[in-house]
Amino acid sequence: MTSVIDDEAPPVEESKELAAIPMDKLAKVYRKMAARIQELTQAYENEVEELKRQQDTVKIALKDQMLALGVSQAYENEVEELKRQQDTVKIALKDQMLALGVSSVRTDQGTVVLSTKTRYNTQDWDSFKTFVLQHEAVDLLEKRIAQTNMSTFLEENPGLVPPGLNSVSEYAISVRKPTK
């Protein structure tokens, strides 16, 4: 046997008590309840509207941030372009200094220094590791070849070059503030 429960019917005891109350009083209580429901509904809807206004404010703030990101993008673009231009200026300074045969030039705007930077790498790590172990030269290693240590090692051992060692030398430019 299945029992059906009427959710809207008051409990039996409550129903018996309400039956003894005159209808005009029940109607008055009912209307008060309906008014309270309407009041709660209005408050709820007001809260929903307030949340929507807050969401709109957040949306506007997000749009402002997106615009700020555009400004950030403009910054990155300009910095990238300036660095590219700096590289072009470095090449021109290097070329002029090489043509003049000088390694340092003092100007009103600063001292320009031309130096040589040598980088070491290997294409044959197995042979290089064997070489390092044979000559107990572990200090030549970092996660890559230790540049300063390799340079010193080659200067101190001119006839001893690790197998697979490559080197690339390039000119480097630095500009220092003028001295007074």
N, C-alpha and C. Protein backbone atom coordinates (compact mmCIF):
# COMPACT_ATOMS: atom_id res chain seq x y z
N MET A 1 0.83 -1.16 0.00
CA MET A 1 0.00 0.00 0.00
C MET A 1 0.89 1.23 0.00
N THR A 2 0.60 2.17 -0.87
CA THR A 2 1.36 3.40 -0.99
C THR A 2 0.59 4.51 -0.34
N SER A 3 1.30 5.30 0.48
CA SER A 3 0.62 6.45 1.07
C SER A 3 1.05 7.71 0.34
N VAL A 4 0.09 8.55 0.08
CA VAL A 4 0.34 9.80 -0.60
C VAL A 4 0.28 10.90 0.44
N ILE A 5 1.30 11.75 0.42
CA ILE A 5 1.35 12.84 1.38
C ILE A 5 1.04 14.13 0.64
N ASP A 6 0.07 14.85 1.14
CA ASP A 6 -0.29 16.15 0.56
C ASP A 6 0.55 17.19 1.28
N ASP A 7 1.61 17.71 0.57
CA ASP A 7 2.53 18.67 1.19
C ASP A 7 1.84 19.98 1.56
N GLU A 8 0.74 20.31 0.90
CA GLU A 8 0.10 21.59 1.17
C GLU A 8 -0.91 21.51 2.30
N ALA A 9 -1.31 20.32 2.66
CA ALA A 9 -2.29 20.19 3.76
C ALA A 9 -1.58 20.31 5.08
N PRO A 10 -2.14 21.07 6.02
CA PRO A 10 -1.51 21.18 7.34
C PRO A 10 -1.62 19.86 8.06
N PRO A 11 -0.75 19.64 9.04
CA PRO A 11 -0.86 18.41 9.83
C PRO A 11 -2.26 18.30 10.45
N VAL A 12 -2.66 17.09 10.76
CA VAL A 12 -4.02 16.82 11.25
C VAL A 12 -4.34 17.64 12.48
N GLU A 13 -3.44 17.67 13.48
CA GLU A 13 -3.71 18.42 14.70
C GLU A 13 -3.90 19.91 14.38
N GLU A 14 -3.03 20.44 13.51
CA GLU A 14 -3.09 21.84 13.14
C GLU A 14 -4.39 22.11 12.37
N SER A 15 -4.77 21.18 11.52
CA SER A 15 -5.98 21.32 10.73
C SER A 15 -7.21 21.38 11.62
N LYS A 16 -7.25 20.58 12.67
CA LYS A 16 -8.38 20.56 13.60
C LYS A 16 -8.45 21.89 14.34
N GLU A 17 -7.28 22.41 14.74
CA GLU A 17 -7.26 23.69 15.46
C GLU A 17 -7.74 24.82 14.55
N LEU A 18 -7.31 24.78 13.28
CA LEU A 18 -7.68 25.84 12.34
C LEU A 18 -9.17 25.81 12.01
N ALA A 19 -9.76 24.64 12.07
CA ALA A 19 -11.20 24.51 11.78
C ALA A 19 -12.04 25.26 12.79
N ALA A 20 -11.50 25.46 13.98
CA ALA A 20 -12.25 26.15 15.03
C ALA A 20 -12.13 27.68 14.91
N ILE A 21 -11.22 28.16 14.04
CA ILE A 21 -11.01 29.61 13.88
C ILE A 21 -11.97 30.12 12.80
N PRO A 22 -12.63 31.25 13.07
CA PRO A 22 -13.54 31.81 12.07
C PRO A 22 -12.81 32.11 10.76
N MET A 23 -13.57 32.02 9.67
CA MET A 23 -12.99 32.18 8.33
C MET A 23 -12.40 33.57 8.11
N ASP A 24 -13.01 34.61 8.64
CA ASP A 24 -12.47 35.96 8.41
C ASP A 24 -11.07 36.10 9.02
N LYS A 25 -10.87 35.46 10.18
CA LYS A 25 -9.54 35.51 10.80
C LYS A 25 -8.55 34.67 9.98
N LEU A 26 -8.97 33.51 9.49
CA LEU A 26 -8.11 32.68 8.65
C LEU A 26 -7.73 33.44 7.36
N ALA A 27 -8.72 34.12 6.78
CA ALA A 27 -8.46 34.89 5.56
C ALA A 27 -7.43 35.98 5.84
N LYS A 28 -7.57 36.64 7.02
CA LYS A 28 -6.64 37.70 7.39
C LYS A 28 -5.23 37.14 7.55
N VAL A 29 -5.08 36.02 8.22
CA VAL A 29 -3.79 35.37 8.41
C VAL A 29 -3.22 34.96 7.04
N TYR A 30 -4.09 34.40 6.22
CA TYR A 30 -3.67 33.97 4.88
C TYR A 30 -3.12 35.15 4.10
N ARG A 31 -3.85 36.29 4.13
CA ARG A 31 -3.40 37.47 3.39
C ARG A 31 -2.08 37.98 3.94
N LYS A 32 -1.90 37.94 5.27
CA LYS A 32 -0.62 38.36 5.86
C LYS A 32 0.52 37.46 5.37
N MET A 33 0.22 36.18 5.31
CA MET A 33 1.24 35.24 4.81
C MET A 33 1.57 35.54 3.36
N ALA A 34 0.55 35.78 2.56
CA ALA A 34 0.76 36.09 1.14
C ALA A 34 1.57 37.39 1.00
N ALA A 35 1.26 38.39 1.85
CA ALA A 35 1.99 39.65 1.81
C ALA A 35 3.46 39.42 2.18
N ARG A 36 3.69 38.55 3.18
CA ARG A 36 5.07 38.26 3.60
C ARG A 36 5.81 37.53 2.48
N ILE A 37 5.12 36.61 1.82
CA ILE A 37 5.73 35.91 0.68
C ILE A 37 6.10 36.92 -0.40
N GLN A 38 5.19 37.85 -0.68
CA GLN A 38 5.45 38.87 -1.68
C GLN A 38 6.63 39.75 -1.25
N GLU A 39 6.69 40.10 0.04
CA GLU A 39 7.77 40.92 0.57
C GLU A 39 9.11 40.18 0.42
N LEU A 40 9.13 38.90 0.79
CA LEU A 40 10.35 38.09 0.66
C LEU A 40 10.76 37.96 -0.81
N THR A 41 9.77 37.76 -1.68
CA THR A 41 10.06 37.64 -3.11
C THR A 41 10.66 38.93 -3.64
N GLN A 42 10.09 40.07 -3.22
CA GLN A 42 10.61 41.37 -3.66
C GLN A 42 12.04 41.56 -3.15
N ALA A 43 12.30 41.20 -1.89
CA ALA A 43 13.65 41.32 -1.33
C ALA A 43 14.63 40.44 -2.11
N TYR A 44 14.16 39.22 -2.43
CA TYR A 44 14.98 38.30 -3.21
C TYR A 44 15.30 38.89 -4.57
N GLU A 45 14.26 39.40 -5.24
CA GLU A 45 14.46 39.99 -6.57
C GLU A 45 15.37 41.22 -6.50
N ASN A 46 15.25 42.00 -5.41
CA ASN A 46 16.14 43.15 -5.23
C ASN A 46 17.60 42.70 -5.09
N GLU A 47 17.79 41.62 -4.33
CA GLU A 47 19.15 41.07 -4.18
C GLU A 47 19.70 40.60 -5.52
N VAL A 48 18.84 39.94 -6.30
CA VAL A 48 19.25 39.48 -7.63
C VAL A 48 19.64 40.68 -8.49
N GLU A 49 18.83 41.74 -8.45
CA GLU A 49 19.14 42.95 -9.23
C GLU A 49 20.46 43.58 -8.76
N GLU A 50 20.69 43.60 -7.45
CA GLU A 50 21.93 44.15 -6.92
C GLU A 50 23.12 43.32 -7.39
N LEU A 51 22.97 42.01 -7.37
CA LEU A 51 24.05 41.14 -7.87
C LEU A 51 24.30 41.38 -9.35
N LYS A 52 23.23 41.60 -10.10
CA LYS A 52 23.40 41.90 -11.53
C LYS A 52 24.15 43.21 -11.72
N ARG A 53 23.82 44.23 -10.89
CA ARG A 53 24.55 45.51 -10.97
C ARG A 53 26.02 45.30 -10.64
N GLN A 54 26.28 44.47 -9.61
CA GLN A 54 27.67 44.18 -9.25
C GLN A 54 28.37 43.45 -10.39
N GLN A 55 27.66 42.52 -11.03
CA GLN A 55 28.24 41.83 -12.17
C GLN A 55 28.58 42.80 -13.29
N ASP A 56 27.68 43.76 -13.52
CA ASP A 56 27.94 44.77 -14.54
C ASP A 56 29.19 45.58 -14.18
N THR A 57 29.33 45.91 -12.90
CA THR A 57 30.51 46.64 -12.44
C THR A 57 31.77 45.81 -12.67
N VAL A 58 31.68 44.52 -12.37
CA VAL A 58 32.82 43.61 -12.59
C VAL A 58 33.13 43.52 -14.08
N LYS A 59 32.09 43.43 -14.91
CA LYS A 59 32.31 43.37 -16.36
C LYS A 59 33.03 44.61 -16.84
N ILE A 60 32.63 45.78 -16.33
CA ILE A 60 33.28 47.03 -16.73
C ILE A 60 34.74 47.01 -16.27
N ALA A 61 34.99 46.54 -15.05
CA ALA A 61 36.36 46.46 -14.53
C ALA A 61 37.19 45.51 -15.37
N LEU A 62 36.61 44.38 -15.76
CA LEU A 62 37.32 43.43 -16.61
C LEU A 62 37.67 44.05 -17.96
N LYS A 63 36.72 44.80 -18.52
CA LYS A 63 37.00 45.48 -19.79
C LYS A 63 38.14 46.47 -19.62
N ASP A 64 38.15 47.19 -18.48
CA ASP A 64 39.23 48.14 -18.21
C ASP A 64 40.57 47.41 -18.11
N GLN A 65 40.55 46.25 -17.45
CA GLN A 65 41.79 45.46 -17.35
C GLN A 65 42.24 44.98 -18.72
N MET A 66 41.30 44.60 -19.55
CA MET A 66 41.65 44.16 -20.89
C MET A 66 42.29 45.31 -21.67
N LEU A 67 41.75 46.50 -21.48
CA LEU A 67 42.36 47.67 -22.12
C LEU A 67 43.77 47.88 -21.58
N ALA A 68 43.92 47.68 -20.27
CA ALA A 68 45.24 47.82 -19.66
C ALA A 68 46.20 46.80 -20.26
N LEU A 69 45.69 45.62 -20.54
CA LEU A 69 46.54 44.61 -21.17
C LEU A 69 46.95 45.06 -22.56
N GLY A 70 46.08 45.75 -23.22
CA GLY A 70 46.44 46.32 -24.52
C GLY A 70 47.56 47.32 -24.37
N VAL A 71 47.51 48.10 -23.30
CA VAL A 71 48.58 49.05 -23.01
C VAL A 71 49.85 48.26 -22.74
N SER A 72 49.71 47.16 -21.99
CA SER A 72 50.85 46.28 -21.71
C SER A 72 51.42 45.75 -23.02
N GLN A 73 50.56 45.38 -23.94
CA GLN A 73 51.03 44.88 -25.23
C GLN A 73 51.76 45.96 -25.99
N ALA A 74 51.25 47.19 -25.92
CA ALA A 74 51.92 48.31 -26.59
C ALA A 74 53.31 48.52 -25.98
N TYR A 75 53.39 48.40 -24.65
CA TYR A 75 54.69 48.52 -23.96
C TYR A 75 55.65 47.46 -24.49
N GLU A 76 55.21 46.21 -24.50
CA GLU A 76 56.07 45.12 -24.96
C GLU A 76 56.51 45.33 -26.39
N ASN A 77 55.60 45.77 -27.23
CA ASN A 77 55.95 46.02 -28.63
C ASN A 77 57.01 47.12 -28.75
N GLU A 78 56.83 48.20 -27.98
CA GLU A 78 57.78 49.31 -28.07
C GLU A 78 59.15 48.90 -27.53
N VAL A 79 59.18 48.17 -26.41
CA VAL A 79 60.45 47.72 -25.84
C VAL A 79 61.15 46.79 -26.83
N GLU A 80 60.41 45.88 -27.44
CA GLU A 80 60.98 44.96 -28.42
C GLU A 80 61.60 45.74 -29.59
N GLU A 81 60.88 46.75 -30.06
CA GLU A 81 61.39 47.56 -31.17
C GLU A 81 62.64 48.33 -30.75
N LEU A 82 62.64 48.88 -29.55
CA LEU A 82 63.82 49.61 -29.06
C LEU A 82 65.03 48.68 -28.93
N LYS A 83 64.82 47.46 -28.45
CA LYS A 83 65.92 46.49 -28.34
C LYS A 83 66.47 46.13 -29.72
N ARG A 84 65.58 45.99 -30.70
CA ARG A 84 66.02 45.72 -32.07
C ARG A 84 66.87 46.88 -32.58
N GLN A 85 66.42 48.10 -32.30
CA GLN A 85 67.17 49.27 -32.73
C GLN A 85 68.52 49.36 -31.99
N GLN A 86 68.54 49.01 -30.71
CA GLN A 86 69.80 48.98 -29.97
C GLN A 86 70.79 48.01 -30.60
N ASP A 87 70.29 46.84 -31.01
CA ASP A 87 71.16 45.86 -31.66
C ASP A 87 71.76 46.45 -32.94
N THR A 88 70.96 47.19 -33.69
CA THR A 88 71.44 47.83 -34.91
C THR A 88 72.53 48.85 -34.58
N VAL A 89 72.32 49.63 -33.53
CA VAL A 89 73.32 50.63 -33.10
C VAL A 89 74.60 49.92 -32.65
N LYS A 90 74.46 48.81 -31.91
CA LYS A 90 75.65 48.06 -31.47
C LYS A 90 76.47 47.59 -32.66
N ILE A 91 75.79 47.11 -33.69
CA ILE A 91 76.50 46.64 -34.89
C ILE A 91 77.25 47.80 -35.54
N ALA A 92 76.61 48.97 -35.63
CA ALA A 92 77.27 50.14 -36.23
C ALA A 92 78.48 50.56 -35.39
N LEU A 93 78.34 50.56 -34.05
CA LEU A 93 79.47 50.90 -33.18
C LEU A 93 80.61 49.91 -33.36
N LYS A 94 80.28 48.62 -33.38
CA LYS A 94 81.30 47.57 -33.56
C LYS A 94 82.02 47.76 -34.88
N ASP A 95 81.26 47.97 -35.96
CA ASP A 95 81.88 48.14 -37.28
C ASP A 95 82.81 49.34 -37.32
N GLN A 96 82.39 50.46 -36.74
CA GLN A 96 83.24 51.66 -36.72
C GLN A 96 84.51 51.43 -35.91
N MET A 97 84.38 50.77 -34.76
CA MET A 97 85.55 50.53 -33.92
C MET A 97 86.52 49.57 -34.57
N LEU A 98 86.00 48.54 -35.23
CA LEU A 98 86.88 47.61 -35.95
C LEU A 98 87.58 48.33 -37.08
N ALA A 99 86.89 49.20 -37.80
CA ALA A 99 87.49 49.95 -38.91
C ALA A 99 88.59 50.88 -38.39
N LEU A 100 88.39 51.44 -37.19
CA LEU A 100 89.39 52.33 -36.60
C LEU A 100 90.50 51.57 -35.89
N GLY A 101 90.27 50.28 -35.63
CA GLY A 101 91.26 49.46 -34.93
C GLY A 101 91.38 49.80 -33.46
N VAL A 102 90.29 50.21 -32.84
CA VAL A 102 90.32 50.57 -31.42
C VAL A 102 89.39 49.66 -30.62
N SER A 103 89.68 49.55 -29.32
CA SER A 103 88.82 48.73 -28.47
C SER A 103 88.05 49.57 -27.47
N SER A 104 88.34 50.87 -27.43
CA SER A 104 87.64 51.74 -26.51
C SER A 104 87.62 53.15 -27.09
N VAL A 105 86.48 53.80 -26.99
CA VAL A 105 86.33 55.17 -27.47
C VAL A 105 85.58 55.95 -26.41
N ARG A 106 86.16 57.08 -26.01
CA ARG A 106 85.51 57.94 -25.02
C ARG A 106 84.81 59.08 -25.77
N THR A 107 83.50 59.23 -25.49
CA THR A 107 82.74 60.30 -26.12
C THR A 107 82.07 61.12 -25.02
N ASP A 108 81.46 62.23 -25.42
CA ASP A 108 80.72 63.04 -24.45
C ASP A 108 79.53 62.27 -23.88
N GLN A 109 79.02 61.32 -24.63
CA GLN A 109 77.84 60.57 -24.22
C GLN A 109 78.18 59.29 -23.47
N GLY A 110 79.46 58.95 -23.37
CA GLY A 110 79.87 57.75 -22.65
C GLY A 110 81.02 57.07 -23.34
N THR A 111 81.59 56.09 -22.66
CA THR A 111 82.71 55.32 -23.21
C THR A 111 82.17 54.04 -23.85
N VAL A 112 82.58 53.83 -25.08
CA VAL A 112 82.17 52.63 -25.81
C VAL A 112 83.33 51.64 -25.75
N VAL A 113 83.04 50.43 -25.32
CA VAL A 113 84.08 49.41 -25.19
C VAL A 113 83.74 48.23 -26.09
N LEU A 114 84.72 47.80 -26.87
CA LEU A 114 84.58 46.64 -27.74
C LEU A 114 85.37 45.51 -27.10
N SER A 115 84.72 44.40 -26.83
CA SER A 115 85.40 43.25 -26.25
C SER A 115 85.02 42.01 -27.04
N THR A 116 85.79 40.95 -26.83
CA THR A 116 85.51 39.68 -27.50
C THR A 116 84.95 38.71 -26.46
N LYS A 117 83.84 38.09 -26.78
CA LYS A 117 83.22 37.11 -25.90
C LYS A 117 83.26 35.76 -26.62
N THR A 118 83.85 34.77 -25.99
CA THR A 118 83.94 33.44 -26.59
C THR A 118 83.05 32.48 -25.83
N ARG A 119 82.22 31.74 -26.53
CA ARG A 119 81.32 30.76 -25.94
C ARG A 119 81.78 29.36 -26.40
N TYR A 120 81.77 28.41 -25.49
CA TYR A 120 82.18 27.05 -25.80
C TYR A 120 80.99 26.11 -25.71
N ASN A 121 80.96 25.13 -26.61
CA ASN A 121 79.96 24.06 -26.56
C ASN A 121 80.55 22.84 -27.22
N THR A 122 79.87 21.72 -27.13
CA THR A 122 80.36 20.49 -27.76
C THR A 122 79.22 19.82 -28.50
N GLN A 123 79.60 19.10 -29.54
CA GLN A 123 78.60 18.31 -30.27
C GLN A 123 78.72 16.83 -29.90
N ASP A 124 79.76 16.50 -29.12
CA ASP A 124 80.02 15.11 -28.76
C ASP A 124 80.20 15.03 -27.23
N TRP A 125 79.07 14.96 -26.52
CA TRP A 125 79.12 14.97 -25.06
C TRP A 125 79.81 13.73 -24.49
N ASP A 126 79.65 12.60 -25.14
CA ASP A 126 80.29 11.38 -24.62
C ASP A 126 81.81 11.53 -24.62
N SER A 127 82.36 11.99 -25.74
CA SER A 127 83.82 12.19 -25.81
C SER A 127 84.26 13.29 -24.87
N PHE A 128 83.46 14.33 -24.76
CA PHE A 128 83.81 15.44 -23.88
C PHE A 128 83.85 14.98 -22.43
N LYS A 129 82.85 14.18 -22.01
CA LYS A 129 82.83 13.67 -20.64
C LYS A 129 84.06 12.77 -20.38
N THR A 130 84.40 11.93 -21.36
CA THR A 130 85.58 11.07 -21.22
C THR A 130 86.83 11.93 -21.05
N PHE A 131 86.94 12.98 -21.86
CA PHE A 131 88.07 13.91 -21.78
C PHE A 131 88.14 14.56 -20.39
N VAL A 132 86.99 15.03 -19.90
CA VAL A 132 86.93 15.68 -18.59
C VAL A 132 87.41 14.72 -17.51
N LEU A 133 86.95 13.48 -17.57
CA LEU A 133 87.34 12.49 -16.57
C LEU A 133 88.82 12.12 -16.69
N GLN A 134 89.33 11.96 -17.91
CA GLN A 134 90.75 11.61 -18.12
C GLN A 134 91.67 12.68 -17.56
N HIS A 135 91.27 13.93 -17.70
CA HIS A 135 92.13 15.04 -17.28
C HIS A 135 91.70 15.64 -15.94
N GLU A 136 90.76 14.94 -15.28
CA GLU A 136 90.26 15.39 -13.97
C GLU A 136 89.93 16.88 -14.01
N ALA A 137 89.18 17.27 -15.04
CA ALA A 137 88.82 18.68 -15.25
C ALA A 137 87.31 18.88 -15.11
N VAL A 138 86.74 18.34 -14.04
CA VAL A 138 85.30 18.40 -13.83
C VAL A 138 84.82 19.85 -13.68
N ASP A 139 85.72 20.75 -13.26
CA ASP A 139 85.33 22.14 -13.10
C ASP A 139 85.05 22.83 -14.44
N LEU A 140 85.24 22.11 -15.56
CA LEU A 140 84.88 22.66 -16.88
C LEU A 140 83.36 22.58 -17.11
N LEU A 141 82.67 21.86 -16.24
CA LEU A 141 81.26 21.62 -16.46
C LEU A 141 80.37 22.46 -15.55
N GLU A 142 79.29 22.89 -16.12
CA GLU A 142 78.12 23.39 -15.42
C GLU A 142 77.01 22.54 -16.00
N LYS A 143 75.85 23.11 -16.16
CA LYS A 143 74.82 22.39 -16.90
C LYS A 143 75.22 22.45 -18.38
N ARG A 144 76.09 23.36 -18.66
CA ARG A 144 76.72 23.52 -19.97
C ARG A 144 78.21 23.65 -19.69
N ILE A 145 79.01 23.86 -20.69
CA ILE A 145 80.44 24.04 -20.47
C ILE A 145 80.65 25.35 -19.72
N ALA A 146 81.44 25.30 -18.67
CA ALA A 146 81.75 26.50 -17.89
C ALA A 146 82.67 27.38 -18.74
N GLN A 147 82.13 28.50 -19.22
CA GLN A 147 82.83 29.33 -20.20
C GLN A 147 84.18 29.85 -19.70
N THR A 148 84.22 30.45 -18.54
CA THR A 148 85.47 31.00 -18.01
C THR A 148 86.47 29.89 -17.72
N ASN A 149 86.00 28.80 -17.14
CA ASN A 149 86.89 27.68 -16.82
C ASN A 149 87.46 27.05 -18.09
N MET A 150 86.64 26.93 -19.13
CA MET A 150 87.13 26.36 -20.39
C MET A 150 88.17 27.27 -21.01
N SER A 151 87.92 28.56 -20.99
CA SER A 151 88.88 29.52 -21.55
C SER A 151 90.22 29.42 -20.82
N THR A 152 90.17 29.38 -19.50
CA THR A 152 91.39 29.26 -18.69
C THR A 152 92.10 27.94 -18.98
N PHE A 153 91.32 26.85 -19.06
CA PHE A 153 91.91 25.53 -19.35
C PHE A 153 92.64 25.54 -20.69
N LEU A 154 92.01 26.12 -21.71
CA LEU A 154 92.64 26.14 -23.05
C LEU A 154 93.88 27.02 -23.06
N GLU A 155 93.88 28.11 -22.31
CA GLU A 155 95.07 28.97 -22.23
C GLU A 155 96.21 28.25 -21.53
N GLU A 156 95.88 27.50 -20.48
CA GLU A 156 96.91 26.78 -19.72
C GLU A 156 97.36 25.50 -20.40
N ASN A 157 96.55 24.95 -21.28
CA ASN A 157 96.86 23.69 -21.99
C ASN A 157 96.64 23.88 -23.48
N PRO A 158 97.47 24.67 -24.15
CA PRO A 158 97.22 25.04 -25.54
C PRO A 158 97.12 23.85 -26.52
N GLY A 159 97.81 22.77 -26.27
CA GLY A 159 97.76 21.63 -27.19
C GLY A 159 96.69 20.62 -26.84
N LEU A 160 95.94 20.88 -25.79
CA LEU A 160 94.99 19.90 -25.29
C LEU A 160 93.57 20.44 -25.48
N VAL A 161 92.90 19.94 -26.54
CA VAL A 161 91.55 20.40 -26.86
C VAL A 161 90.60 19.21 -26.76
N PRO A 162 89.54 19.34 -25.98
CA PRO A 162 88.59 18.23 -25.86
C PRO A 162 87.96 17.90 -27.21
N PRO A 163 87.76 16.62 -27.49
CA PRO A 163 87.11 16.24 -28.75
C PRO A 163 85.68 16.79 -28.83
N GLY A 164 85.30 17.26 -29.98
CA GLY A 164 83.95 17.77 -30.19
C GLY A 164 83.73 19.18 -29.69
N LEU A 165 84.80 19.83 -29.19
CA LEU A 165 84.66 21.20 -28.67
C LEU A 165 84.52 22.18 -29.82
N ASN A 166 83.56 23.04 -29.72
CA ASN A 166 83.38 24.13 -30.68
C ASN A 166 83.53 25.44 -29.92
N SER A 167 83.91 26.48 -30.62
CA SER A 167 83.91 27.80 -29.98
C SER A 167 83.41 28.82 -30.99
N VAL A 168 82.71 29.79 -30.48
CA VAL A 168 82.21 30.89 -31.30
C VAL A 168 82.63 32.16 -30.61
N SER A 169 83.39 32.99 -31.30
CA SER A 169 83.79 34.28 -30.74
C SER A 169 83.00 35.37 -31.43
N GLU A 170 82.56 36.32 -30.66
CA GLU A 170 81.81 37.44 -31.23
C GLU A 170 82.19 38.70 -30.49
N TYR A 171 82.03 39.80 -31.13
CA TYR A 171 82.32 41.08 -30.50
C TYR A 171 81.15 41.48 -29.63
N ALA A 172 81.48 42.12 -28.52
CA ALA A 172 80.44 42.63 -27.62
C ALA A 172 80.68 44.11 -27.42
N ILE A 173 79.63 44.87 -27.38
CA ILE A 173 79.69 46.32 -27.18
C ILE A 173 79.07 46.65 -25.84
N SER A 174 79.73 47.52 -25.09
CA SER A 174 79.11 48.06 -23.89
C SER A 174 79.36 49.57 -23.89
N VAL A 175 78.40 50.31 -23.42
CA VAL A 175 78.52 51.77 -23.35
C VAL A 175 78.37 52.16 -21.90
N ARG A 176 79.38 52.86 -21.37
CA ARG A 176 79.35 53.28 -19.98
C ARG A 176 79.07 54.77 -19.90
N LYS A 177 78.56 55.21 -18.75
CA LYS A 177 78.31 56.64 -18.53
C LYS A 177 79.63 57.39 -18.66
N PRO A 178 79.54 58.64 -19.10
CA PRO A 178 80.78 59.42 -19.17
C PRO A 178 81.31 59.69 -17.76
N THR A 179 82.63 59.74 -17.66
CA THR A 179 83.25 60.08 -16.38
C THR A 179 83.59 61.55 -16.37
N LYS A 180 83.54 62.13 -15.20
CA LYS A 180 83.80 63.57 -15.10
C LYS A 180 85.17 63.84 -14.57
